């Protein structure tokens, strides 16, 4: 199950830097995950200070 980033995202960039496949990018109000490329590793969730990334 791919990860998605909820609205609690504070746009710190920690998740983008940690993603091993580069499927996280900055959007207007938060970071977003390209679900088609997500490998479901959970690296983004492990570094997020506000627990914004979650499995869909």
PDB file of N, CA and C in Angstrom:
ATOM      1  N   UNK A   1       0.844  -1.175   0.000  1.00  0.00           N
ATOM      2  CA  UNK A   1       0.000   0.000   0.000  1.00  0.00           C
ATOM      3  C   UNK A   1       0.892   1.242   0.000  1.00  0.00           C
ATOM      4  N   UNK A   2       0.728   2.111  -0.948  1.00  0.00           N
ATOM      5  CA  UNK A   2       1.538   3.323  -1.067  1.00  0.00           C
ATOM      6  C   UNK A   2       1.252   4.281   0.080  1.00  0.00           C
ATOM      7  N   UNK A   3       2.203   5.129   0.357  1.00  0.00           N
ATOM      8  CA  UNK A   3       2.035   6.152   1.384  1.00  0.00           C
ATOM      9  C   UNK A   3       1.419   7.402   0.775  1.00  0.00           C
ATOM     10  N   UNK A   4       0.735   8.170   1.607  1.00  0.00           N
ATOM     11  CA  UNK A   4       0.247   9.490   1.228  1.00  0.00           C
ATOM     12  C   UNK A   4       0.560  10.418   2.390  1.00  0.00           C
ATOM     13  N   UNK A   5       0.583  11.697   2.112  1.00  0.00           N
ATOM     14  CA  UNK A   5       0.927  12.683   3.137  1.00  0.00           C
ATOM     15  C   UNK A   5      -0.320  13.487   3.459  1.00  0.00           C
ATOM     16  N   UNK A   6      -0.672  13.499   4.745  1.00  0.00           N
ATOM     17  CA  UNK A   6      -1.905  14.182   5.142  1.00  0.00           C
ATOM     18  C   UNK A   6      -1.682  15.681   5.356  1.00  0.00           C
ATOM     19  N   UNK A   7      -2.747  16.381   5.720  1.00  0.00           N
ATOM     20  CA  UNK A   7      -2.709  17.838   5.833  1.00  0.00           C
ATOM     21  C   UNK A   7      -1.937  18.359   7.043  1.00  0.00           C
ATOM     22  N   UNK A   8      -1.436  17.479   7.898  1.00  0.00           N
ATOM     23  CA  UNK A   8      -0.622  17.951   9.014  1.00  0.00           C
ATOM     24  C   UNK A   8       0.811  18.259   8.585  1.00  0.00           C
ATOM     25  N   UNK A   9       1.128  18.021   7.319  1.00  0.00           N
ATOM     26  CA  UNK A   9       2.465  18.298   6.763  1.00  0.00           C
ATOM     27  C   UNK A   9       2.855  19.763   6.989  1.00  0.00           C
ATOM     28  N   UNK A  10       4.070  19.965   7.502  1.00  0.00           N
ATOM     29  CA  UNK A  10       4.576  21.319   7.744  1.00  0.00           C
ATOM     30  C   UNK A  10       5.624  21.738   6.701  1.00  0.00           C
ATOM     31  N   UNK A  11       5.756  20.955   5.646  1.00  0.00           N
ATOM     32  CA  UNK A  11       6.669  21.235   4.535  1.00  0.00           C
ATOM     33  C   UNK A  11       8.122  21.420   4.989  1.00  0.00           C
ATOM     34  N   UNK A  12       8.581  20.540   5.881  1.00  0.00           N
ATOM     35  CA  UNK A  12       9.963  20.637   6.349  1.00  0.00           C
ATOM     36  C   UNK A  12      10.957  20.015   5.366  1.00  0.00           C
ATOM     37  N   UNK A  13      10.486  19.097   4.511  1.00  0.00           N
ATOM     38  CA  UNK A  13      11.348  18.481   3.510  1.00  0.00           C
ATOM     39  C   UNK A  13      12.064  17.230   3.961  1.00  0.00           C
ATOM     40  N   UNK A  14      11.896  16.823   5.202  1.00  0.00           N
ATOM     41  CA  UNK A  14      12.594  15.631   5.708  1.00  0.00           C
ATOM     42  C   UNK A  14      12.216  14.389   4.914  1.00  0.00           C
ATOM     43  N   UNK A  15      10.959  14.246   4.581  1.00  0.00           N
ATOM     44  CA  UNK A  15      10.501  13.051   3.859  1.00  0.00           C
ATOM     45  C   UNK A  15      11.076  12.991   2.442  1.00  0.00           C
ATOM     46  N   UNK A  16      11.107  14.120   1.770  1.00  0.00           N
ATOM     47  CA  UNK A  16      11.622  14.153   0.399  1.00  0.00           C
ATOM     48  C   UNK A  16      13.084  13.718   0.369  1.00  0.00           C
ATOM     49  N   UNK A  17      13.857  14.210   1.310  1.00  0.00           N
ATOM     50  CA  UNK A  17      15.280  13.879   1.363  1.00  0.00           C
ATOM     51  C   UNK A  17      15.513  12.404   1.691  1.00  0.00           C
ATOM     52  N   UNK A  18      14.608  11.793   2.427  1.00  0.00           N
ATOM     53  CA  UNK A  18      14.777  10.411   2.880  1.00  0.00           C
ATOM     54  C   UNK A  18      14.280   9.375   1.885  1.00  0.00           C
ATOM     55  N   UNK A  19      13.402   9.748   0.969  1.00  0.00           N
ATOM     56  CA  UNK A  19      12.792   8.790   0.040  1.00  0.00           C
ATOM     57  C   UNK A  19      13.849   8.177  -0.887  1.00  0.00           C
ATOM     58  N   UNK A  20      14.008   6.843  -0.848  1.00  0.00           N
ATOM     59  CA  UNK A  20      15.052   6.207  -1.652  1.00  0.00           C
ATOM     60  C   UNK A  20      14.749   6.163  -3.153  1.00  0.00           C
ATOM     61  N   UNK A  21      13.500   6.366  -3.535  1.00  0.00           N
ATOM     62  CA  UNK A  21      13.136   6.313  -4.953  1.00  0.00           C
ATOM     63  C   UNK A  21      12.714   7.668  -5.504  1.00  0.00           C
ATOM     64  N   UNK A  22      12.782   8.711  -4.698  1.00  0.00           N
ATOM     65  CA  UNK A  22      12.484  10.063  -5.168  1.00  0.00           C
ATOM     66  C   UNK A  22      11.049  10.290  -5.579  1.00  0.00           C
ATOM     67  N   UNK A  23      10.113   9.647  -4.903  1.00  0.00           N
ATOM     68  CA  UNK A  23       8.713   9.802  -5.312  1.00  0.00           C
ATOM     69  C   UNK A  23       7.966  10.863  -4.518  1.00  0.00           C
ATOM     70  N   UNK A  24       8.666  11.625  -3.679  1.00  0.00           N
ATOM     71  CA  UNK A  24       8.035  12.690  -2.904  1.00  0.00           C
ATOM     72  C   UNK A  24       8.472  14.037  -3.464  1.00  0.00           C
ATOM     73  N   UNK A  25       7.497  14.916  -3.658  1.00  0.00           N
ATOM     74  CA  UNK A  25       7.808  16.241  -4.181  1.00  0.00           C
ATOM     75  C   UNK A  25       6.988  17.303  -3.464  1.00  0.00           C
ATOM     76  N   UNK A  26       7.478  18.526  -3.526  1.00  0.00           N
ATOM     77  CA  UNK A  26       6.807  19.631  -2.863  1.00  0.00           C
ATOM     78  C   UNK A  26       5.655  20.138  -3.717  1.00  0.00           C
ATOM     79  N   UNK A  27       4.499  20.278  -3.105  1.00  0.00           N
ATOM     80  CA  UNK A  27       3.332  20.866  -3.765  1.00  0.00           C
ATOM     81  C   UNK A  27       3.056  22.217  -3.104  1.00  0.00           C
ATOM     82  N   UNK A  28       1.941  22.810  -3.442  1.00  0.00           N
ATOM     83  CA  UNK A  28       1.652  24.157  -2.956  1.00  0.00           C
ATOM     84  C   UNK A  28       1.523  24.236  -1.433  1.00  0.00           C
ATOM     85  N   UNK A  29       0.772  23.324  -0.841  1.00  0.00           N
ATOM     86  CA  UNK A  29       0.520  23.409   0.606  1.00  0.00           C
ATOM     87  C   UNK A  29       1.168  22.310   1.426  1.00  0.00           C
ATOM     88  N   UNK A  30       1.681  21.268   0.782  1.00  0.00           N
ATOM     89  CA  UNK A  30       2.310  20.161   1.481  1.00  0.00           C
ATOM     90  C   UNK A  30       3.142  19.352   0.490  1.00  0.00           C
ATOM     91  N   UNK A  31       3.843  18.354   0.992  1.00  0.00           N
ATOM     92  CA  UNK A  31       4.552  17.423   0.121  1.00  0.00           C
ATOM     93  C   UNK A  31       3.576  16.343  -0.328  1.00  0.00           C
ATOM     94  N   UNK A  32       3.822  15.765  -1.492  1.00  0.00           N
ATOM     95  CA  UNK A  32       2.947  14.715  -2.027  1.00  0.00           C
ATOM     96  C   UNK A  32       3.789  13.519  -2.462  1.00  0.00           C
ATOM     97  N   UNK A  33       3.154  12.349  -2.439  1.00  0.00           N
ATOM     98  CA  UNK A  33       3.800  11.101  -2.835  1.00  0.00           C
ATOM     99  C   UNK A  33       3.229  10.646  -4.168  1.00  0.00           C
ATOM    100  N   UNK A  34       4.112  10.306  -5.104  1.00  0.00           N
ATOM    101  CA  UNK A  34       3.684   9.695  -6.360  1.00  0.00           C
ATOM    102  C   UNK A  34       3.454   8.218  -6.056  1.00  0.00           C
ATOM    103  N   UNK A  35       2.203   7.852  -5.841  1.00  0.00           N
ATOM    104  CA  UNK A  35       1.855   6.497  -5.402  1.00  0.00           C
ATOM    105  C   UNK A  35       2.302   5.421  -6.385  1.00  0.00           C
ATOM    106  N   UNK A  36       2.386   5.752  -7.652  1.00  0.00           N
ATOM    107  CA  UNK A  36       2.779   4.748  -8.642  1.00  0.00           C
ATOM    108  C   UNK A  36       4.257   4.367  -8.537  1.00  0.00           C
ATOM    109  N   UNK A  37       5.053   5.197  -7.874  1.00  0.00           N
ATOM    110  CA  UNK A  37       6.475   4.906  -7.701  1.00  0.00           C
ATOM    111  C   UNK A  37       6.865   4.567  -6.269  1.00  0.00           C
ATOM    112  N   UNK A  38       5.940   4.737  -5.331  1.00  0.00           N
ATOM    113  CA  UNK A  38       6.209   4.458  -3.919  1.00  0.00           C
ATOM    114  C   UNK A  38       6.481   2.966  -3.722  1.00  0.00           C
ATOM    115  N   UNK A  39       7.571   2.649  -3.006  1.00  0.00           N
ATOM    116  CA  UNK A  39       7.931   1.253  -2.745  1.00  0.00           C
ATOM    117  C   UNK A  39       7.512   0.811  -1.334  1.00  0.00           C
ATOM    118  N   UNK A  40       6.740   1.645  -0.682  1.00  0.00           N
ATOM    119  CA  UNK A  40       6.144   1.316   0.620  1.00  0.00           C
ATOM    120  C   UNK A  40       7.173   0.982   1.685  1.00  0.00           C
ATOM    121  N   UNK A  41       8.301   1.667   1.673  1.00  0.00           N
ATOM    122  CA  UNK A  41       9.373   1.356   2.617  1.00  0.00           C
ATOM    123  C   UNK A  41       9.165   2.003   3.987  1.00  0.00           C
ATOM    124  N   UNK A  42       8.399   3.086   4.052  1.00  0.00           N
ATOM    125  CA  UNK A  42       8.153   3.760   5.311  1.00  0.00           C
ATOM    126  C   UNK A  42       9.239   4.708   5.763  1.00  0.00           C
ATOM    127  N   UNK A  43      10.247   4.934   4.928  1.00  0.00           N
ATOM    128  CA  UNK A  43      11.338   5.829   5.309  1.00  0.00           C
ATOM    129  C   UNK A  43      10.826   7.243   5.564  1.00  0.00           C
ATOM    130  N   UNK A  44       9.869   7.678   4.790  1.00  0.00           N
ATOM    131  CA  UNK A  44       9.302   9.020   4.964  1.00  0.00           C
ATOM    132  C   UNK A  44       8.612   9.151   6.316  1.00  0.00           C
ATOM    133  N   UNK A  45       7.846   8.140   6.680  1.00  0.00           N
ATOM    134  CA  UNK A  45       7.131   8.158   7.957  1.00  0.00           C
ATOM    135  C   UNK A  45       8.094   8.147   9.134  1.00  0.00           C
ATOM    136  N   UNK A  46       9.194   7.466   8.987  1.00  0.00           N
ATOM    137  CA  UNK A  46      10.162   7.343  10.082  1.00  0.00           C
ATOM    138  C   UNK A  46      10.827   8.670  10.437  1.00  0.00           C
ATOM    139  N   UNK A  47      10.948   9.583   9.481  1.00  0.00           N
ATOM    140  CA  UNK A  47      11.643  10.847   9.744  1.00  0.00           C
ATOM    141  C   UNK A  47      10.709  12.041   9.913  1.00  0.00           C
ATOM    142  N   UNK A  48       9.432  11.876   9.679  1.00  0.00           N
ATOM    143  CA  UNK A  48       8.505  13.002   9.743  1.00  0.00           C
ATOM    144  C   UNK A  48       8.227  13.412  11.181  1.00  0.00           C
ATOM    145  N   UNK A  49       8.439  14.712  11.504  1.00  0.00           N
ATOM    146  CA  UNK A  49       8.225  15.161  12.888  1.00  0.00           C
ATOM    147  C   UNK A  49       6.745  15.279  13.274  1.00  0.00           C
ATOM    148  N   UNK A  50       5.840  15.262  12.311  1.00  0.00           N
ATOM    149  CA  UNK A  50       4.409  15.416  12.607  1.00  0.00           C
ATOM    150  C   UNK A  50       3.577  14.225  12.154  1.00  0.00           C
ATOM    151  N   UNK A  51       4.222  13.120  11.803  1.00  0.00           N
ATOM    152  CA  UNK A  51       3.531  11.890  11.383  1.00  0.00           C
ATOM    153  C   UNK A  51       2.562  12.099  10.226  1.00  0.00           C
ATOM    154  N   UNK A  52       2.966  12.889   9.237  1.00  0.00           N
ATOM    155  CA  UNK A  52       2.091  13.174   8.102  1.00  0.00           C
ATOM    156  C   UNK A  52       2.020  12.017   7.084  1.00  0.00           C
ATOM    157  N   UNK A  53       3.107  11.313   6.776  1.00  0.00           N
ATOM    158  CA  UNK A  53       3.003  10.193   5.831  1.00  0.00           C
ATOM    159  C   UNK A  53       2.344   8.968   6.477  1.00  0.00           C
ATOM    160  N   UNK A  54       1.377   8.412   5.788  1.00  0.00           N
ATOM    161  CA  UNK A  54       0.676   7.222   6.273  1.00  0.00           C
ATOM    162  C   UNK A  54       0.370   6.311   5.108  1.00  0.00           C
ATOM    163  N   UNK A  55       0.307   4.993   5.362  1.00  0.00           N
ATOM    164  CA  UNK A  55      -0.103   4.079   4.282  1.00  0.00           C
ATOM    165  C   UNK A  55      -1.543   4.388   3.879  1.00  0.00           C
ATOM    166  N   UNK A  56      -1.811   4.349   2.582  1.00  0.00           N
ATOM    167  CA  UNK A  56      -3.175   4.634   2.120  1.00  0.00           C
ATOM    168  C   UNK A  56      -4.081   3.481   2.435  1.00  0.00           C
TER     169      UNK A  56
END
